[in-house]
Amino acid sequence: MLEFDGVTVEQYDRVMEMLGAAAGGPMPAGGLFGWVIATANGIRVAEVWESVEAFRQFSAERFGPAAGEVGITCAPRIAFRDVHC
């Protein structure tokens, strides 16, 4: 789970579009499922990834640089959880 204060859903969507992962489309390599909602302070993103390492690599190499291009300058609060079916 990621919590971004001061970030809009529109900014998040622009980043994902830049990365070829537009809303309703496929996730980036290693990503399985995700959603984003507006909160009182910004946005909350919940995603399921094949591994924490795949998420960290995507975040560092692709999402972070693209986020800066659309004005997202804050680092999110991140909490990792195991998914059980």
PDB file of N, CA and C in Angstrom:
ATOM      1  N   MET A   1       0.856  -1.168   0.000  1.00  0.00           N
ATOM      2  CA  MET A   1       0.000   0.000   0.000  1.00  0.00           C
ATOM      3  C   MET A   1       0.902   1.232   0.000  1.00  0.00           C
ATOM      4  N   LEU A   2       0.568   2.184  -0.845  1.00  0.00           N
ATOM      5  CA  LEU A   2       1.303   3.442  -0.911  1.00  0.00           C
ATOM      6  C   LEU A   2       0.347   4.581  -0.599  1.00  0.00           C
ATOM      7  N   GLU A   3       0.789   5.509   0.219  1.00  0.00           N
ATOM      8  CA  GLU A   3       0.011   6.705   0.549  1.00  0.00           C
ATOM      9  C   GLU A   3       0.813   7.918   0.085  1.00  0.00           C
ATOM     10  N   PHE A   4       0.247   8.668  -0.873  1.00  0.00           N
ATOM     11  CA  PHE A   4       0.889   9.870  -1.391  1.00  0.00           C
ATOM     12  C   PHE A   4       0.101  11.092  -0.933  1.00  0.00           C
ATOM     13  N   ASP A   5       0.640  11.876  -0.034  1.00  0.00           N
ATOM     14  CA  ASP A   5      -0.015  13.122   0.377  1.00  0.00           C
ATOM     15  C   ASP A   5       0.194  14.185  -0.697  1.00  0.00           C
ATOM     16  N   GLY A   6      -0.871  14.931  -0.996  1.00  0.00           N
ATOM     17  CA  GLY A   6      -0.772  16.039  -1.940  1.00  0.00           C
ATOM     18  C   GLY A   6      -0.714  15.643  -3.399  1.00  0.00           C
ATOM     19  N   VAL A   7      -0.950  14.375  -3.712  1.00  0.00           N
ATOM     20  CA  VAL A   7      -0.912  13.897  -5.096  1.00  0.00           C
ATOM     21  C   VAL A   7      -2.338  13.602  -5.540  1.00  0.00           C
ATOM     22  N   THR A   8      -2.638  13.902  -6.801  1.00  0.00           N
ATOM     23  CA  THR A   8      -3.981  13.657  -7.324  1.00  0.00           C
ATOM     24  C   THR A   8      -4.029  12.369  -8.137  1.00  0.00           C
ATOM     25  N   VAL A   9      -5.241  11.843  -8.293  1.00  0.00           N
ATOM     26  CA  VAL A   9      -5.446  10.667  -9.137  1.00  0.00           C
ATOM     27  C   VAL A   9      -5.010  10.997 -10.568  1.00  0.00           C
ATOM     28  N   GLU A  10      -5.267  12.213 -11.007  1.00  0.00           N
ATOM     29  CA  GLU A  10      -4.893  12.616 -12.364  1.00  0.00           C
ATOM     30  C   GLU A  10      -3.373  12.579 -12.557  1.00  0.00           C
ATOM     31  N   GLN A  11      -2.614  13.036 -11.565  1.00  0.00           N
ATOM     32  CA  GLN A  11      -1.151  12.960 -11.667  1.00  0.00           C
ATOM     33  C   GLN A  11      -0.698  11.505 -11.758  1.00  0.00           C
ATOM     34  N   TYR A  12      -1.264  10.656 -10.907  1.00  0.00           N
ATOM     35  CA  TYR A  12      -0.909   9.238 -10.923  1.00  0.00           C
ATOM     36  C   TYR A  12      -1.240   8.630 -12.291  1.00  0.00           C
ATOM     37  N   ASP A  13      -2.421   8.930 -12.821  1.00  0.00           N
ATOM     38  CA  ASP A  13      -2.810   8.402 -14.133  1.00  0.00           C
ATOM     39  C   ASP A  13      -1.855   8.857 -15.219  1.00  0.00           C
ATOM     40  N   ARG A  14      -1.403  10.117 -15.168  1.00  0.00           N
ATOM     41  CA  ARG A  14      -0.447  10.615 -16.174  1.00  0.00           C
ATOM     42  C   ARG A  14       0.853   9.828 -16.113  1.00  0.00           C
ATOM     43  N   VAL A  15       1.337   9.562 -14.895  1.00  0.00           N
ATOM     44  CA  VAL A  15       2.568   8.782 -14.760  1.00  0.00           C
ATOM     45  C   VAL A  15       2.381   7.403 -15.368  1.00  0.00           C
ATOM     46  N   MET A  16       1.295   6.740 -15.020  1.00  0.00           N
ATOM     47  CA  MET A  16       1.081   5.388 -15.528  1.00  0.00           C
ATOM     48  C   MET A  16       0.927   5.380 -17.046  1.00  0.00           C
ATOM     49  N   GLU A  17       0.275   6.392 -17.610  1.00  0.00           N
ATOM     50  CA  GLU A  17       0.171   6.491 -19.063  1.00  0.00           C
ATOM     51  C   GLU A  17       1.550   6.657 -19.695  1.00  0.00           C
ATOM     52  N   MET A  18       2.403   7.472 -19.081  1.00  0.00           N
ATOM     53  CA  MET A  18       3.762   7.664 -19.581  1.00  0.00           C
ATOM     54  C   MET A  18       4.523   6.348 -19.602  1.00  0.00           C
ATOM     55  N   LEU A  19       4.184   5.458 -18.683  1.00  0.00           N
ATOM     56  CA  LEU A  19       4.884   4.180 -18.562  1.00  0.00           C
ATOM     57  C   LEU A  19       4.195   3.064 -19.335  1.00  0.00           C
ATOM     58  N   GLY A  20       3.160   3.401 -20.093  1.00  0.00           N
ATOM     59  CA  GLY A  20       2.458   2.401 -20.888  1.00  0.00           C
ATOM     60  C   GLY A  20       1.532   1.514 -20.075  1.00  0.00           C
ATOM     61  N   ALA A  21       1.082   2.010 -18.938  1.00  0.00           N
ATOM     62  CA  ALA A  21       0.197   1.232 -18.064  1.00  0.00           C
ATOM     63  C   ALA A  21      -1.020   2.080 -17.700  1.00  0.00           C
ATOM     64  N   ALA A  22      -1.775   2.487 -18.721  1.00  0.00           N
ATOM     65  CA  ALA A  22      -2.936   3.357 -18.504  1.00  0.00           C
ATOM     66  C   ALA A  22      -4.020   2.648 -17.709  1.00  0.00           C
ATOM     67  N   ALA A  23      -4.878   3.433 -17.085  1.00  0.00           N
ATOM     68  CA  ALA A  23      -5.976   2.896 -16.279  1.00  0.00           C
ATOM     69  C   ALA A  23      -6.766   1.863 -17.072  1.00  0.00           C
ATOM     70  N   GLY A  24      -7.015   0.720 -16.442  1.00  0.00           N
ATOM     71  CA  GLY A  24      -7.750  -0.352 -17.085  1.00  0.00           C
ATOM     72  C   GLY A  24      -6.906  -1.227 -17.989  1.00  0.00           C
ATOM     73  N   GLY A  25      -5.659  -0.852 -18.186  1.00  0.00           N
ATOM     74  CA  GLY A  25      -4.769  -1.621 -19.058  1.00  0.00           C
ATOM     75  C   GLY A  25      -3.886  -2.568 -18.264  1.00  0.00           C
ATOM     76  N   PRO A  26      -2.924  -3.161 -18.940  1.00  0.00           N
ATOM     77  CA  PRO A  26      -2.035  -4.112 -18.259  1.00  0.00           C
ATOM     78  C   PRO A  26      -1.103  -3.415 -17.272  1.00  0.00           C
ATOM     79  N   MET A  27      -0.703  -4.164 -16.262  1.00  0.00           N
ATOM     80  CA  MET A  27       0.273  -3.678 -15.276  1.00  0.00           C
ATOM     81  C   MET A  27       1.673  -3.756 -15.885  1.00  0.00           C
ATOM     82  N   PRO A  28       2.631  -3.014 -15.331  1.00  0.00           N
ATOM     83  CA  PRO A  28       4.017  -3.149 -15.758  1.00  0.00           C
ATOM     84  C   PRO A  28       4.530  -4.557 -15.444  1.00  0.00           C
ATOM     85  N   ALA A  29       5.630  -4.944 -16.061  1.00  0.00           N
ATOM     86  CA  ALA A  29       6.217  -6.259 -15.816  1.00  0.00           C
ATOM     87  C   ALA A  29       6.412  -6.475 -14.316  1.00  0.00           C
ATOM     88  N   GLY A  30       5.937  -7.597 -13.817  1.00  0.00           N
ATOM     89  CA  GLY A  30       6.045  -7.912 -12.390  1.00  0.00           C
ATOM     90  C   GLY A  30       4.832  -7.506 -11.586  1.00  0.00           C
ATOM     91  N   GLY A  31       4.008  -6.617 -12.135  1.00  0.00           N
ATOM     92  CA  GLY A  31       2.794  -6.185 -11.456  1.00  0.00           C
ATOM     93  C   GLY A  31       1.626  -7.071 -11.842  1.00  0.00           C
ATOM     94  N   LEU A  32       0.780  -7.406 -10.883  1.00  0.00           N
ATOM     95  CA  LEU A  32      -0.340  -8.289 -11.147  1.00  0.00           C
ATOM     96  C   LEU A  32      -1.690  -7.588 -11.140  1.00  0.00           C
ATOM     97  N   PHE A  33      -1.873  -6.635 -10.218  1.00  0.00           N
ATOM     98  CA  PHE A  33      -3.159  -5.967 -10.061  1.00  0.00           C
ATOM     99  C   PHE A  33      -2.946  -4.692  -9.269  1.00  0.00           C
ATOM    100  N   GLY A  34      -3.758  -3.669  -9.560  1.00  0.00           N
ATOM    101  CA  GLY A  34      -3.633  -2.447  -8.781  1.00  0.00           C
ATOM    102  C   GLY A  34      -4.864  -1.575  -8.872  1.00  0.00           C
ATOM    103  N   TRP A  35      -5.035  -0.719  -7.879  1.00  0.00           N
ATOM    104  CA  TRP A  35      -6.083   0.295  -7.891  1.00  0.00           C
ATOM    105  C   TRP A  35      -5.601   1.516  -7.136  1.00  0.00           C
ATOM    106  N   VAL A  36      -6.229   2.646  -7.418  1.00  0.00           N
ATOM    107  CA  VAL A  36      -5.887   3.905  -6.758  1.00  0.00           C
ATOM    108  C   VAL A  36      -7.182   4.629  -6.415  1.00  0.00           C
ATOM    109  N   ILE A  37      -7.215   5.245  -5.233  1.00  0.00           N
ATOM    110  CA  ILE A  37      -8.379   6.038  -4.828  1.00  0.00           C
ATOM    111  C   ILE A  37      -7.909   7.373  -4.260  1.00  0.00           C
ATOM    112  N   ALA A  38      -8.767   8.359  -4.386  1.00  0.00           N
ATOM    113  CA  ALA A  38      -8.509   9.652  -3.757  1.00  0.00           C
ATOM    114  C   ALA A  38      -8.811   9.541  -2.273  1.00  0.00           C
ATOM    115  N   THR A  39      -7.997  10.202  -1.457  1.00  0.00           N
ATOM    116  CA  THR A  39      -8.220  10.278  -0.014  1.00  0.00           C
ATOM    117  C   THR A  39      -8.353  11.751   0.359  1.00  0.00           C
ATOM    118  N   ALA A  40      -8.600  12.009   1.618  1.00  0.00           N
ATOM    119  CA  ALA A  40      -8.708  13.399   2.077  1.00  0.00           C
ATOM    120  C   ALA A  40      -7.401  14.161   1.894  1.00  0.00           C
ATOM    121  N   ASN A  41      -6.268  13.445   1.901  1.00  0.00           N
ATOM    122  CA  ASN A  41      -4.953  14.093   1.830  1.00  0.00           C
ATOM    123  C   ASN A  41      -4.209  13.890   0.525  1.00  0.00           C
ATOM    124  N   GLY A  42      -4.688  13.020  -0.350  1.00  0.00           N
ATOM    125  CA  GLY A  42      -3.959  12.708  -1.577  1.00  0.00           C
ATOM    126  C   GLY A  42      -4.525  11.472  -2.237  1.00  0.00           C
ATOM    127  N   ILE A  43      -3.678  10.433  -2.401  1.00  0.00           N
ATOM    128  CA  ILE A  43      -4.145   9.183  -2.981  1.00  0.00           C
ATOM    129  C   ILE A  43      -3.600   7.989  -2.200  1.00  0.00           C
ATOM    130  N   ARG A  44      -4.305   6.875  -2.338  1.00  0.00           N
ATOM    131  CA  ARG A  44      -3.866   5.590  -1.792  1.00  0.00           C
ATOM    132  C   ARG A  44      -3.810   4.619  -2.965  1.00  0.00           C
ATOM    133  N   VAL A  45      -2.690   3.906  -3.083  1.00  0.00           N
ATOM    134  CA  VAL A  45      -2.489   2.945  -4.159  1.00  0.00           C
ATOM    135  C   VAL A  45      -2.279   1.579  -3.524  1.00  0.00           C
ATOM    136  N   ALA A  46      -3.037   0.604  -3.986  1.00  0.00           N
ATOM    137  CA  ALA A  46      -2.844  -0.778  -3.548  1.00  0.00           C
ATOM    138  C   ALA A  46      -2.517  -1.601  -4.779  1.00  0.00           C
ATOM    139  N   GLU A  47      -1.397  -2.286  -4.748  1.00  0.00           N
ATOM    140  CA  GLU A  47      -0.970  -3.088  -5.889  1.00  0.00           C
ATOM    141  C   GLU A  47      -0.492  -4.442  -5.398  1.00  0.00           C
ATOM    142  N   VAL A  48      -0.665  -5.439  -6.250  1.00  0.00           N
ATOM    143  CA  VAL A  48      -0.145  -6.774  -5.993  1.00  0.00           C
ATOM    144  C   VAL A  48       0.965  -7.015  -7.006  1.00  0.00           C
ATOM    145  N   TRP A  49       2.135  -7.361  -6.497  1.00  0.00           N
ATOM    146  CA  TRP A  49       3.312  -7.594  -7.331  1.00  0.00           C
ATOM    147  C   TRP A  49       3.811  -9.025  -7.147  1.00  0.00           C
ATOM    148  N   GLU A  50       4.531  -9.519  -8.139  1.00  0.00           N
ATOM    149  CA  GLU A  50       5.118 -10.856  -8.041  1.00  0.00           C
ATOM    150  C   GLU A  50       6.082 -10.944  -6.863  1.00  0.00           C
ATOM    151  N   SER A  51       6.767  -9.834  -6.578  1.00  0.00           N
ATOM    152  CA  SER A  51       7.723  -9.808  -5.466  1.00  0.00           C
ATOM    153  C   SER A  51       7.975  -8.362  -5.048  1.00  0.00           C
ATOM    154  N   VAL A  52       8.453  -8.196  -3.829  1.00  0.00           N
ATOM    155  CA  VAL A  52       8.838  -6.869  -3.349  1.00  0.00           C
ATOM    156  C   VAL A  52       9.967  -6.329  -4.220  1.00  0.00           C
ATOM    157  N   GLU A  53      10.875  -7.205  -4.634  1.00  0.00           N
ATOM    158  CA  GLU A  53      11.998  -6.766  -5.458  1.00  0.00           C
ATOM    159  C   GLU A  53      11.524  -6.216  -6.802  1.00  0.00           C
ATOM    160  N   ALA A  54      10.518  -6.861  -7.422  1.00  0.00           N
ATOM    161  CA  ALA A  54       9.984  -6.368  -8.699  1.00  0.00           C
ATOM    162  C   ALA A  54       9.374  -4.982  -8.519  1.00  0.00           C
ATOM    163  N   PHE A  55       8.631  -4.785  -7.415  1.00  0.00           N
ATOM    164  CA  PHE A  55       8.056  -3.466  -7.137  1.00  0.00           C
ATOM    165  C   PHE A  55       9.160  -2.435  -6.945  1.00  0.00           C
ATOM    166  N   ARG A  56      10.153  -2.751  -6.130  1.00  0.00           N
ATOM    167  CA  ARG A  56      11.235  -1.790  -5.854  1.00  0.00           C
ATOM    168  C   ARG A  56      11.984  -1.406  -7.124  1.00  0.00           C
ATOM    169  N   GLN A  57      12.228  -2.379  -8.001  1.00  0.00           N
ATOM    170  CA  GLN A  57      12.934  -2.090  -9.246  1.00  0.00           C
ATOM    171  C   GLN A  57      12.094  -1.173 -10.128  1.00  0.00           C
ATOM    172  N   PHE A  58      10.810  -1.487 -10.290  1.00  0.00           N
ATOM    173  CA  PHE A  58       9.918  -0.633 -11.080  1.00  0.00           C
ATOM    174  C   PHE A  58       9.855   0.775 -10.496  1.00  0.00           C
ATOM    175  N   SER A  59       9.726   0.858  -9.193  1.00  0.00           N
ATOM    176  CA  SER A  59       9.607   2.150  -8.525  1.00  0.00           C
ATOM    177  C   SER A  59      10.856   3.003  -8.744  1.00  0.00           C
ATOM    178  N   ALA A  60      12.019   2.402  -8.554  1.00  0.00           N
ATOM    179  CA  ALA A  60      13.274   3.148  -8.667  1.00  0.00           C
ATOM    180  C   ALA A  60      13.619   3.515 -10.108  1.00  0.00           C
ATOM    181  N   GLU A  61      13.416   2.571 -11.022  1.00  0.00           N
ATOM    182  CA  GLU A  61      13.875   2.773 -12.394  1.00  0.00           C
ATOM    183  C   GLU A  61      12.861   3.464 -13.294  1.00  0.00           C
ATOM    184  N   ARG A  62      11.570   3.292 -13.008  1.00  0.00           N
ATOM    185  CA  ARG A  62      10.567   3.813 -13.925  1.00  0.00           C
ATOM    186  C   ARG A  62       9.591   4.791 -13.276  1.00  0.00           C
ATOM    187  N   PHE A  63       8.921   4.369 -12.188  1.00  0.00           N
ATOM    188  CA  PHE A  63       7.885   5.228 -11.609  1.00  0.00           C
ATOM    189  C   PHE A  63       8.483   6.510 -11.031  1.00  0.00           C
ATOM    190  N   GLY A  64       9.519   6.397 -10.233  1.00  0.00           N
ATOM    191  CA  GLY A  64      10.105   7.575  -9.592  1.00  0.00           C
ATOM    192  C   GLY A  64      10.499   8.664 -10.568  1.00  0.00           C
ATOM    193  N   PRO A  65      11.277   8.337 -11.596  1.00  0.00           N
ATOM    194  CA  PRO A  65      11.646   9.377 -12.560  1.00  0.00           C
ATOM    195  C   PRO A  65      10.440   9.983 -13.282  1.00  0.00           C
ATOM    196  N   ALA A  66       9.458   9.172 -13.667  1.00  0.00           N
ATOM    197  CA  ALA A  66       8.274   9.696 -14.352  1.00  0.00           C
ATOM    198  C   ALA A  66       7.442  10.560 -13.406  1.00  0.00           C
ATOM    199  N   ALA A  67       7.356  10.164 -12.144  1.00  0.00           N
ATOM    200  CA  ALA A  67       6.596  10.950 -11.169  1.00  0.00           C
ATOM    201  C   ALA A  67       7.155  12.361 -11.058  1.00  0.00           C
ATOM    202  N   GLY A  68       8.466  12.473 -11.052  1.00  0.00           N
ATOM    203  CA  GLY A  68       9.085  13.791 -10.984  1.00  0.00           C
ATOM    204  C   GLY A  68       8.713  14.668 -12.170  1.00  0.00           C
ATOM    205  N   GLU A  69       8.525  14.058 -13.336  1.00  0.00           N
ATOM    206  CA  GLU A  69       8.169  14.809 -14.537  1.00  0.00           C
ATOM    207  C   GLU A  69       6.774  15.429 -14.460  1.00  0.00           C
ATOM    208  N   VAL A  70       5.877  14.844 -13.646  1.00  0.00           N
ATOM    209  CA  VAL A  70       4.519  15.396 -13.536  1.00  0.00           C
ATOM    210  C   VAL A  70       4.328  16.162 -12.233  1.00  0.00           C
ATOM    211  N   GLY A  71       5.420  16.428 -11.529  1.00  0.00           N
ATOM    212  CA  GLY A  71       5.345  17.263 -10.336  1.00  0.00           C
ATOM    213  C   GLY A  71       5.130  16.535  -9.026  1.00  0.00           C
ATOM    214  N   ILE A  72       5.241  15.209  -9.023  1.00  0.00           N
ATOM    215  CA  ILE A  72       5.144  14.464  -7.764  1.00  0.00           C
ATOM    216  C   ILE A  72       6.535  14.471  -7.137  1.00  0.00           C
ATOM    217  N   THR A  73       6.672  15.202  -6.048  1.00  0.00           N
ATOM    218  CA  THR A  73       7.989  15.340  -5.419  1.00  0.00           C
ATOM    219  C   THR A  73       8.088  14.658  -4.067  1.00  0.00           C
ATOM    220  N   CYS A  74       6.952  14.266  -3.499  1.00  0.00           N
ATOM    221  CA  CYS A  74       6.979  13.629  -2.180  1.00  0.00           C
ATOM    222  C   CYS A  74       7.170  12.126  -2.320  1.00  0.00           C
ATOM    223  N   ALA A  75       7.840  11.547  -1.368  1.00  0.00           N
ATOM    224  CA  ALA A  75       7.964  10.089  -1.326  1.00  0.00           C
ATOM    225  C   ALA A  75       6.731   9.535  -0.614  1.00  0.00           C
ATOM    226  N   PRO A  76       6.198   8.424  -1.099  1.00  0.00           N
ATOM    227  CA  PRO A  76       5.022   7.859  -0.444  1.00  0.00           C
ATOM    228  C   PRO A  76       5.393   7.113   0.833  1.00  0.00           C
ATOM    229  N   ARG A  77       4.404   6.963   1.697  1.00  0.00           N
ATOM    230  CA  ARG A  77       4.533   6.013   2.802  1.00  0.00           C
ATOM    231  C   ARG A  77       4.192   4.657   2.218  1.00  0.00           C
ATOM    232  N   ILE A  78       5.037   3.664   2.456  1.00  0.00           N
ATOM    233  CA  ILE A  78       4.843   2.344   1.855  1.00  0.00           C
ATOM    234  C   ILE A  78       4.715   1.296   2.952  1.00  0.00           C
ATOM    235  N   ALA A  79       3.747   0.407   2.782  1.00  0.00           N
ATOM    236  CA  ALA A  79       3.576  -0.737   3.679  1.00  0.00           C
ATOM    237  C   ALA A  79       3.417  -1.978   2.810  1.00  0.00           C
ATOM    238  N   PHE A  80       4.249  -2.981   3.028  1.00  0.00           N
ATOM    239  CA  PHE A  80       4.161  -4.233   2.301  1.00  0.00           C
ATOM    240  C   PHE A  80       3.356  -5.238   3.113  1.00  0.00           C
ATOM    241  N   ARG A  81       2.486  -5.969   2.418  1.00  0.00           N
ATOM    242  CA  ARG A  81       1.668  -7.004   3.052  1.00  0.00           C
ATOM    243  C   ARG A  81       1.677  -8.235   2.160  1.00  0.00           C
ATOM    244  N   ASP A  82       1.628  -9.408   2.756  1.00  0.00           N
ATOM    245  CA  ASP A  82       1.481 -10.641   1.992  1.00  0.00           C
ATOM    246  C   ASP A  82       0.030 -10.797   1.578  1.00  0.00           C
ATOM    247  N   VAL A  83      -0.204 -11.341   0.401  1.00  0.00           N
ATOM    248  CA  VAL A  83      -1.554 -11.606  -0.082  1.00  0.00           C
ATOM    249  C   VAL A  83      -1.827 -13.090   0.116  1.00  0.00           C
ATOM    250  N   HIS A  84      -2.962 -13.390   0.715  1.00  0.00           N
ATOM    251  CA  HIS A  84      -3.366 -14.771   0.938  1.00  0.00           C
ATOM    252  C   HIS A  84      -4.690 -15.017   0.247  1.00  0.00           C
ATOM    253  N   CYS A  85      -4.761 -16.082  -0.515  1.00  0.00           N
ATOM    254  CA  CYS A  85      -5.997 -16.416  -1.246  1.00  0.00           C
ATOM    255  C   CYS A  85      -6.749 -17.514  -0.525  1.00  0.00           C
TER     256      CYS A  85
END
